[in-house]
Amino acid sequence: MNTCKSLFHNEDPGDEAYLTLAIQTVLYNHREHLLQLPDSLSCEPYLQELSAEIVRRAHKFKQVAEAAARRIDMRVYDVKGAQMECITRLETKN
């Protein structure tokens, strides 16, 4: 999984969660194929396809989470005032 290391080179402990979610998603999406073909896990091209999909999904999950965190941070730091005002303004922007 050298590709994983290149995508997650900073070794953020949170990266494991993205990989776990990606693995679960890919296995779930391919469950029919995996159940129908018991030898599917011995097929090298199929395993490479699954691995590539896992890495792509993990990277995308990380991008989405980071983008959401940036949006939330921008809104929180943009708001001045008491905590209750911050919550009210965040709820009305959505």
N, C-alpha and C. Protein backbone atom coordinates (compact mmCIF):
# COMPACT_ATOMS: atom_id res chain seq x y z
N MET A 1 0.82 -1.20 0.00
CA MET A 1 0.00 0.00 0.00
C MET A 1 0.86 1.26 0.00
N ASN A 2 1.81 1.32 -0.89
CA ASN A 2 2.64 2.51 -1.00
C ASN A 2 1.81 3.72 -1.39
N THR A 3 0.75 3.49 -2.15
CA THR A 3 -0.13 4.59 -2.55
C THR A 3 -0.78 5.22 -1.33
N CYS A 4 -1.16 4.42 -0.35
CA CYS A 4 -1.75 4.96 0.87
C CYS A 4 -0.76 5.86 1.58
N LYS A 5 0.47 5.44 1.65
CA LYS A 5 1.48 6.24 2.34
C LYS A 5 1.68 7.57 1.64
N SER A 6 1.61 7.58 0.30
CA SER A 6 1.80 8.84 -0.41
C SER A 6 0.62 9.79 -0.21
N LEU A 7 -0.58 9.24 -0.09
CA LEU A 7 -1.76 10.08 0.12
C LEU A 7 -1.85 10.57 1.56
N PHE A 8 -1.37 9.76 2.48
CA PHE A 8 -1.47 10.07 3.90
C PHE A 8 -0.07 10.15 4.51
N HIS A 9 0.76 10.96 3.88
CA HIS A 9 2.17 11.02 4.26
C HIS A 9 2.43 11.67 5.61
N ASN A 10 1.51 12.47 6.11
CA ASN A 10 1.76 13.14 7.39
C ASN A 10 1.46 12.24 8.58
N GLU A 11 1.01 11.02 8.33
CA GLU A 11 0.73 10.03 9.37
C GLU A 11 -0.18 10.59 10.46
N ASP A 12 -1.20 11.28 10.05
CA ASP A 12 -2.21 11.80 10.96
C ASP A 12 -2.96 10.61 11.56
N PRO A 13 -3.09 10.55 12.88
CA PRO A 13 -3.81 9.41 13.49
C PRO A 13 -5.25 9.30 12.98
N GLY A 14 -5.84 10.38 12.53
CA GLY A 14 -7.20 10.35 12.01
C GLY A 14 -7.32 9.68 10.66
N ASP A 15 -6.18 9.50 9.97
CA ASP A 15 -6.22 8.87 8.65
C ASP A 15 -6.73 7.44 8.72
N GLU A 16 -6.50 6.78 9.82
CA GLU A 16 -6.96 5.40 9.97
C GLU A 16 -8.49 5.34 9.85
N ALA A 17 -9.16 6.35 10.35
CA ALA A 17 -10.63 6.38 10.26
C ALA A 17 -11.08 6.48 8.81
N TYR A 18 -10.38 7.28 7.99
CA TYR A 18 -10.74 7.40 6.57
C TYR A 18 -10.51 6.07 5.86
N LEU A 19 -9.40 5.42 6.16
CA LEU A 19 -9.12 4.12 5.54
C LEU A 19 -10.14 3.08 5.96
N THR A 20 -10.49 3.07 7.23
CA THR A 20 -11.49 2.11 7.72
C THR A 20 -12.82 2.32 7.03
N LEU A 21 -13.25 3.57 6.94
CA LEU A 21 -14.51 3.88 6.28
C LEU A 21 -14.46 3.50 4.81
N ALA A 22 -13.35 3.76 4.16
CA ALA A 22 -13.20 3.41 2.75
C ALA A 22 -13.24 1.89 2.55
N ILE A 23 -12.55 1.16 3.40
CA ILE A 23 -12.54 -0.30 3.29
C ILE A 23 -13.95 -0.85 3.47
N GLN A 24 -14.64 -0.37 4.49
CA GLN A 24 -16.00 -0.84 4.73
C GLN A 24 -16.92 -0.52 3.56
N THR A 25 -16.78 0.67 3.00
CA THR A 25 -17.61 1.09 1.87
C THR A 25 -17.37 0.22 0.65
N VAL A 26 -16.10 0.01 0.33
CA VAL A 26 -15.77 -0.79 -0.85
C VAL A 26 -16.22 -2.24 -0.67
N LEU A 27 -15.97 -2.81 0.48
CA LEU A 27 -16.42 -4.19 0.70
C LEU A 27 -17.94 -4.30 0.63
N TYR A 28 -18.63 -3.32 1.18
CA TYR A 28 -20.09 -3.34 1.12
C TYR A 28 -20.58 -3.21 -0.33
N ASN A 29 -19.98 -2.29 -1.08
CA ASN A 29 -20.39 -2.08 -2.47
C ASN A 29 -20.10 -3.30 -3.35
N HIS A 30 -19.11 -4.09 -3.00
CA HIS A 30 -18.73 -5.25 -3.80
C HIS A 30 -19.18 -6.56 -3.16
N ARG A 31 -20.04 -6.51 -2.18
CA ARG A 31 -20.42 -7.70 -1.42
C ARG A 31 -21.02 -8.78 -2.30
N GLU A 32 -21.85 -8.42 -3.26
CA GLU A 32 -22.48 -9.42 -4.13
C GLU A 32 -21.41 -10.18 -4.92
N HIS A 33 -20.49 -9.45 -5.49
CA HIS A 33 -19.43 -10.07 -6.28
C HIS A 33 -18.54 -10.94 -5.39
N LEU A 34 -18.22 -10.45 -4.22
CA LEU A 34 -17.36 -11.20 -3.31
C LEU A 34 -18.04 -12.49 -2.82
N LEU A 35 -19.33 -12.44 -2.60
CA LEU A 35 -20.05 -13.63 -2.14
C LEU A 35 -20.27 -14.65 -3.25
N GLN A 36 -20.46 -14.18 -4.47
CA GLN A 36 -20.72 -15.08 -5.59
C GLN A 36 -19.47 -15.79 -6.08
N LEU A 37 -18.34 -15.13 -5.94
CA LEU A 37 -17.09 -15.70 -6.44
C LEU A 37 -16.13 -15.94 -5.28
N PRO A 38 -16.14 -17.13 -4.71
CA PRO A 38 -15.27 -17.39 -3.57
C PRO A 38 -13.79 -17.20 -3.89
N ASP A 39 -13.39 -17.37 -5.13
CA ASP A 39 -11.99 -17.21 -5.49
C ASP A 39 -11.67 -15.79 -5.95
N SER A 40 -12.62 -14.86 -5.80
CA SER A 40 -12.40 -13.49 -6.26
C SER A 40 -11.24 -12.82 -5.53
N LEU A 41 -10.98 -13.24 -4.30
CA LEU A 41 -9.88 -12.64 -3.55
C LEU A 41 -8.52 -13.19 -3.96
N SER A 42 -8.52 -14.19 -4.84
CA SER A 42 -7.24 -14.68 -5.35
C SER A 42 -6.92 -14.08 -6.73
N CYS A 43 -7.84 -13.30 -7.24
CA CYS A 43 -7.66 -12.67 -8.55
C CYS A 43 -6.89 -11.36 -8.38
N GLU A 44 -5.64 -11.36 -8.81
CA GLU A 44 -4.76 -10.20 -8.62
C GLU A 44 -5.33 -8.89 -9.21
N PRO A 45 -5.82 -8.89 -10.45
CA PRO A 45 -6.37 -7.64 -11.00
C PRO A 45 -7.56 -7.12 -10.18
N TYR A 46 -8.40 -8.03 -9.72
CA TYR A 46 -9.57 -7.63 -8.92
C TYR A 46 -9.11 -7.04 -7.59
N LEU A 47 -8.12 -7.64 -6.96
CA LEU A 47 -7.60 -7.10 -5.70
C LEU A 47 -6.97 -5.73 -5.90
N GLN A 48 -6.28 -5.56 -7.01
CA GLN A 48 -5.69 -4.24 -7.29
C GLN A 48 -6.77 -3.20 -7.54
N GLU A 49 -7.84 -3.61 -8.20
CA GLU A 49 -8.97 -2.70 -8.43
C GLU A 49 -9.60 -2.28 -7.09
N LEU A 50 -9.82 -3.26 -6.21
CA LEU A 50 -10.39 -2.96 -4.89
C LEU A 50 -9.45 -2.05 -4.09
N SER A 51 -8.17 -2.33 -4.12
CA SER A 51 -7.19 -1.53 -3.39
C SER A 51 -7.19 -0.09 -3.89
N ALA A 52 -7.20 0.07 -5.21
CA ALA A 52 -7.20 1.42 -5.79
C ALA A 52 -8.47 2.17 -5.40
N GLU A 53 -9.59 1.48 -5.40
CA GLU A 53 -10.86 2.11 -5.01
C GLU A 53 -10.84 2.51 -3.54
N ILE A 54 -10.26 1.67 -2.70
CA ILE A 54 -10.16 1.98 -1.27
C ILE A 54 -9.33 3.24 -1.07
N VAL A 55 -8.20 3.33 -1.75
CA VAL A 55 -7.33 4.50 -1.62
C VAL A 55 -8.04 5.76 -2.12
N ARG A 56 -8.71 5.65 -3.27
CA ARG A 56 -9.44 6.82 -3.81
C ARG A 56 -10.51 7.29 -2.84
N ARG A 57 -11.27 6.35 -2.30
CA ARG A 57 -12.34 6.71 -1.37
C ARG A 57 -11.78 7.31 -0.08
N ALA A 58 -10.73 6.72 0.44
CA ALA A 58 -10.13 7.25 1.67
C ALA A 58 -9.64 8.67 1.45
N HIS A 59 -9.02 8.90 0.32
CA HIS A 59 -8.53 10.25 0.00
C HIS A 59 -9.70 11.23 -0.12
N LYS A 60 -10.77 10.79 -0.78
CA LYS A 60 -11.96 11.66 -0.96
C LYS A 60 -12.62 11.94 0.38
N PHE A 61 -12.75 10.91 1.24
CA PHE A 61 -13.33 11.13 2.57
C PHE A 61 -12.52 12.15 3.35
N LYS A 62 -11.19 12.05 3.24
CA LYS A 62 -10.33 12.99 3.95
C LYS A 62 -10.52 14.41 3.40
N GLN A 63 -10.59 14.56 2.08
CA GLN A 63 -10.80 15.87 1.47
C GLN A 63 -12.12 16.48 1.92
N VAL A 64 -13.17 15.68 1.92
CA VAL A 64 -14.50 16.17 2.32
C VAL A 64 -14.48 16.60 3.79
N ALA A 65 -13.88 15.79 4.64
CA ALA A 65 -13.82 16.13 6.07
C ALA A 65 -13.02 17.40 6.31
N GLU A 66 -11.90 17.54 5.61
CA GLU A 66 -11.08 18.75 5.78
C GLU A 66 -11.79 19.99 5.25
N ALA A 67 -12.50 19.84 4.13
CA ALA A 67 -13.25 20.97 3.58
C ALA A 67 -14.37 21.39 4.53
N ALA A 68 -15.05 20.41 5.11
CA ALA A 68 -16.11 20.73 6.08
C ALA A 68 -15.53 21.40 7.32
N ALA A 69 -14.39 20.92 7.77
CA ALA A 69 -13.75 21.52 8.95
C ALA A 69 -13.35 22.97 8.66
N ARG A 70 -12.85 23.22 7.45
CA ARG A 70 -12.48 24.61 7.10
C ARG A 70 -13.70 25.51 7.07
N ARG A 71 -14.81 25.01 6.53
CA ARG A 71 -16.04 25.82 6.50
C ARG A 71 -16.53 26.13 7.90
N ILE A 72 -16.51 25.14 8.76
CA ILE A 72 -16.95 25.33 10.14
C ILE A 72 -16.03 26.32 10.84
N ASP A 73 -14.72 26.14 10.69
CA ASP A 73 -13.76 27.05 11.31
C ASP A 73 -13.95 28.47 10.82
N MET A 74 -14.18 28.66 9.52
CA MET A 74 -14.38 30.01 8.99
C MET A 74 -15.60 30.65 9.63
N ARG A 75 -16.66 29.90 9.75
CA ARG A 75 -17.88 30.45 10.31
C ARG A 75 -17.70 30.78 11.80
N VAL A 76 -17.03 29.93 12.52
CA VAL A 76 -16.87 30.16 13.95
C VAL A 76 -15.99 31.36 14.19
N TYR A 77 -14.88 31.47 13.46
CA TYR A 77 -13.98 32.59 13.67
C TYR A 77 -14.53 33.89 13.10
N ASP A 78 -15.44 33.77 12.15
CA ASP A 78 -16.06 34.95 11.57
C ASP A 78 -17.06 35.58 12.54
N VAL A 79 -17.61 34.80 13.41
CA VAL A 79 -18.66 35.26 14.33
C VAL A 79 -18.01 35.87 15.57
N LYS A 80 -18.52 37.01 15.96
CA LYS A 80 -18.06 37.65 17.19
C LYS A 80 -19.24 37.69 18.15
N GLY A 81 -18.97 37.48 19.41
CA GLY A 81 -20.05 37.55 20.39
C GLY A 81 -20.12 36.31 21.23
N ALA A 82 -21.21 36.20 21.93
CA ALA A 82 -21.41 35.11 22.88
C ALA A 82 -21.63 33.78 22.15
N GLN A 83 -21.45 32.70 22.88
CA GLN A 83 -21.59 31.37 22.30
C GLN A 83 -22.99 31.16 21.72
N MET A 84 -24.00 31.60 22.39
CA MET A 84 -25.36 31.41 21.92
C MET A 84 -25.57 32.12 20.58
N GLU A 85 -24.99 33.31 20.41
CA GLU A 85 -25.11 34.01 19.14
C GLU A 85 -24.42 33.22 18.03
N CYS A 86 -23.28 32.61 18.33
CA CYS A 86 -22.57 31.82 17.33
C CYS A 86 -23.44 30.67 16.86
N ILE A 87 -24.07 29.97 17.77
CA ILE A 87 -24.90 28.82 17.42
C ILE A 87 -26.07 29.28 16.57
N THR A 88 -26.69 30.38 16.95
CA THR A 88 -27.84 30.89 16.20
C THR A 88 -27.43 31.25 14.78
N ARG A 89 -26.32 31.94 14.62
CA ARG A 89 -25.88 32.35 13.28
C ARG A 89 -25.48 31.15 12.44
N LEU A 90 -24.85 30.14 13.03
CA LEU A 90 -24.46 28.95 12.26
C LEU A 90 -25.70 28.20 11.78
N GLU A 91 -26.71 28.11 12.61
CA GLU A 91 -27.93 27.40 12.22
C GLU A 91 -28.66 28.11 11.11
N THR A 92 -28.64 29.44 11.10
CA THR A 92 -29.38 30.17 10.06
C THR A 92 -28.62 30.19 8.73
N LYS A 93 -27.30 29.99 8.73
CA LYS A 93 -26.55 29.97 7.47
C LYS A 93 -26.79 28.70 6.69
N ASN A 94 -27.15 27.62 7.36
CA ASN A 94 -27.38 26.35 6.66
C ASN A 94 -28.73 26.41 6.03
